[in-house]
Amino acid sequence: MSADLTSAEYAGRRRILVMDDDERERQETARVLGEAGYAVDTAATKADVVTLLARHGYDLVLADLNMPELNGPAFYELLKESGRIAPVIFRIQRGYTPQYANFLMRLAAPVLMKPAPAADLCVAVERQLPPSPAAPKAASSLAS
């Protein structure tokens, strides 16, 4: 579990939770998103996810669809129970079962194949993030 930055360092940055049982995939995703300016926490286990959801609100979650302890449907239920609903991008390495296909279609959840090129990852994240509260002010200040 990673949350290396202090609260002050996270201030004003969009916070993303990356959950994946593959350490290399988790760390590379966190690196790319961190370099893109996001505050990133990582989770490798269900216990990590539960702890982080209790501590923080997230603007977005990148979730491995098929983690051993916490598959996509189970994670989505956990997220709802936590009361900290956030947009989710599910990630898969290979094809998925009809059960997962039905789950993803019911949610209309975006899916990103792993590993994704850094540019594709960043575009997918930007598409799913809710509008930043700071965005309208920045746009209006440019217009004046």
Protein backbone atom coordinates (compact mmCIF):
# COMPACT_ATOMS: atom_id res chain seq x y z
CA MET A 1 0.00 0.00 0.00
CA SER A 2 1.41 3.33 -0.95
CA ALA A 3 0.50 6.80 0.19
CA ASP A 4 3.88 8.47 0.37
CA LEU A 5 2.85 12.09 -0.06
CA THR A 6 1.69 14.18 2.86
CA SER A 7 -1.79 15.71 2.88
CA ALA A 8 -0.29 19.09 1.97
CA GLU A 9 1.44 17.58 -1.07
CA TYR A 10 -1.89 16.06 -2.19
CA ALA A 11 -3.74 19.39 -1.88
CA GLY A 12 -5.27 20.45 -5.15
CA ARG A 13 -4.24 17.29 -6.99
CA ARG A 14 -6.73 14.74 -8.31
CA ARG A 15 -6.42 11.55 -6.25
CA ILE A 16 -6.40 8.15 -7.95
CA LEU A 17 -6.37 4.67 -6.43
CA VAL A 18 -4.53 2.04 -8.48
CA MET A 19 -5.34 -1.49 -7.40
CA ASP A 20 -3.57 -4.41 -9.00
CA ASP A 21 -2.00 -7.58 -7.64
CA ASP A 22 0.78 -7.40 -10.26
CA GLU A 23 3.51 -5.28 -8.63
CA ARG A 24 5.15 -4.21 -11.88
CA GLU A 25 1.83 -3.13 -13.43
CA ARG A 26 0.80 -1.31 -10.23
CA GLN A 27 4.09 0.55 -9.88
CA GLU A 28 4.34 1.50 -13.57
CA THR A 29 0.77 2.81 -13.58
CA ALA A 30 1.46 4.82 -10.41
CA ARG A 31 4.65 6.24 -11.94
CA VAL A 32 2.93 7.33 -15.17
CA LEU A 33 0.00 8.93 -13.32
CA GLY A 34 2.29 10.58 -10.77
CA GLU A 35 4.37 12.11 -13.56
CA ALA A 36 1.11 13.34 -15.12
CA GLY A 37 0.42 15.31 -11.94
CA TYR A 38 -2.00 13.05 -10.09
CA ALA A 39 -1.78 12.02 -6.45
CA VAL A 40 -1.67 8.22 -6.56
CA ASP A 41 -2.23 5.55 -3.92
CA THR A 42 -1.67 1.88 -4.70
CA ALA A 43 -3.24 -1.27 -3.33
CA ALA A 44 -2.20 -4.88 -3.88
CA THR A 45 -4.70 -6.65 -1.62
CA LYS A 46 -8.27 -6.41 -0.43
CA ALA A 47 -7.01 -5.28 2.99
CA ASP A 48 -5.08 -2.42 1.34
CA VAL A 49 -8.18 -1.36 -0.61
CA VAL A 50 -10.40 -1.41 2.49
CA THR A 51 -7.87 0.67 4.46
CA LEU A 52 -7.39 3.25 1.71
CA LEU A 53 -11.13 3.62 1.01
CA ALA A 54 -11.68 4.27 4.73
CA ARG A 55 -9.00 6.98 4.77
CA HIS A 56 -9.50 8.80 1.48
CA GLY A 57 -11.96 9.89 -1.14
CA TYR A 58 -10.83 9.20 -4.68
CA ASP A 59 -11.56 11.04 -7.90
CA LEU A 60 -10.99 7.80 -9.83
CA VAL A 61 -10.09 4.15 -9.29
CA LEU A 62 -8.13 1.99 -11.72
CA ALA A 63 -9.09 -1.55 -10.70
CA ASP A 64 -7.73 -4.88 -11.88
CA LEU A 65 -10.84 -6.80 -12.93
CA ASN A 66 -9.48 -10.13 -11.74
CA MET A 67 -7.49 -9.75 -8.52
CA PRO A 68 -7.33 -12.99 -6.51
CA GLU A 69 -9.02 -11.61 -3.35
CA LEU A 70 -11.12 -8.91 -4.96
CA ASN A 71 -12.54 -9.29 -8.45
CA GLY A 72 -14.41 -6.52 -10.25
CA PRO A 73 -17.94 -7.26 -8.99
CA ALA A 74 -16.73 -7.74 -5.40
CA PHE A 75 -14.71 -4.51 -5.55
CA TYR A 76 -17.67 -2.57 -6.91
CA GLU A 77 -19.83 -3.78 -4.00
CA LEU A 78 -17.08 -2.82 -1.55
CA LEU A 79 -16.86 0.63 -3.13
CA LYS A 80 -20.63 1.14 -2.81
CA GLU A 81 -20.58 -0.05 0.82
CA SER A 82 -17.75 2.36 1.64
CA GLY A 83 -19.97 5.28 0.59
CA ARG A 84 -17.04 6.67 -1.39
CA ILE A 85 -18.32 6.22 -4.91
CA ALA A 86 -15.84 7.19 -7.62
CA PRO A 87 -15.61 6.49 -11.34
CA VAL A 88 -13.86 3.19 -12.02
CA ILE A 89 -11.83 2.03 -14.99
CA PHE A 90 -11.47 -1.74 -14.93
CA ARG A 91 -8.26 -3.16 -16.33
CA ILE A 92 -7.68 -6.59 -17.83
CA GLN A 93 -4.70 -8.35 -19.30
CA ARG A 94 -6.52 -10.87 -21.48
CA GLY A 95 -10.08 -11.68 -22.45
CA TYR A 96 -12.68 -11.95 -19.76
CA THR A 97 -15.45 -14.40 -18.95
CA PRO A 98 -19.10 -13.87 -19.90
CA GLN A 99 -19.77 -13.15 -16.21
CA TYR A 100 -17.36 -10.21 -16.31
CA ALA A 101 -18.66 -9.09 -19.69
CA ASN A 102 -22.21 -8.94 -18.28
CA PHE A 103 -21.00 -7.08 -15.19
CA LEU A 104 -19.13 -4.49 -17.28
CA MET A 105 -22.07 -4.00 -19.64
CA ARG A 106 -24.50 -3.50 -16.73
CA LEU A 107 -22.24 -0.81 -15.29
CA ALA A 108 -21.28 0.61 -18.68
CA ALA A 109 -17.82 0.55 -17.13
CA PRO A 110 -14.79 1.51 -19.21
CA VAL A 111 -12.16 -1.17 -19.72
CA LEU A 112 -8.48 -0.64 -20.42
CA MET A 113 -6.21 -3.46 -21.56
CA LYS A 114 -2.96 -4.03 -19.66
CA PRO A 115 -0.32 -2.97 -20.23
CA ALA A 116 -1.53 0.27 -21.75
CA PRO A 117 0.83 2.81 -23.30
CA ALA A 118 1.28 5.84 -21.03
CA ALA A 119 -0.57 8.15 -23.44
CA ASP A 120 -3.58 5.79 -23.65
CA LEU A 121 -3.66 5.48 -19.86
CA CYS A 122 -3.65 9.24 -19.38
CA VAL A 123 -6.37 9.78 -22.01
CA ALA A 124 -8.59 7.13 -20.39
CA VAL A 125 -8.10 8.70 -16.96
CA GLU A 126 -8.92 12.22 -18.21
CA ARG A 127 -12.10 10.98 -19.88
CA GLN A 128 -13.38 9.41 -16.66
CA LEU A 129 -12.40 12.08 -14.13
CA PRO A 130 -15.20 14.37 -13.04
CA PRO A 131 -14.64 18.02 -14.00
CA SER A 132 -12.15 19.72 -11.71
CA PRO A 133 -13.64 22.46 -9.51
CA ALA A 134 -10.66 24.62 -10.49
CA ALA A 135 -11.22 24.21 -14.24
CA PRO A 136 -14.00 26.82 -14.69
CA LYS A 137 -12.03 29.47 -12.76
CA ALA A 138 -8.94 28.86 -14.85
CA ALA A 139 -10.94 29.07 -18.07
CA SER A 140 -12.69 32.29 -17.01
CA SER A 141 -9.42 33.92 -15.94
CA LEU A 142 -7.95 33.21 -19.38
CA ALA A 143 -10.95 34.85 -21.04
CA SER A 144 -10.62 38.10 -19.09
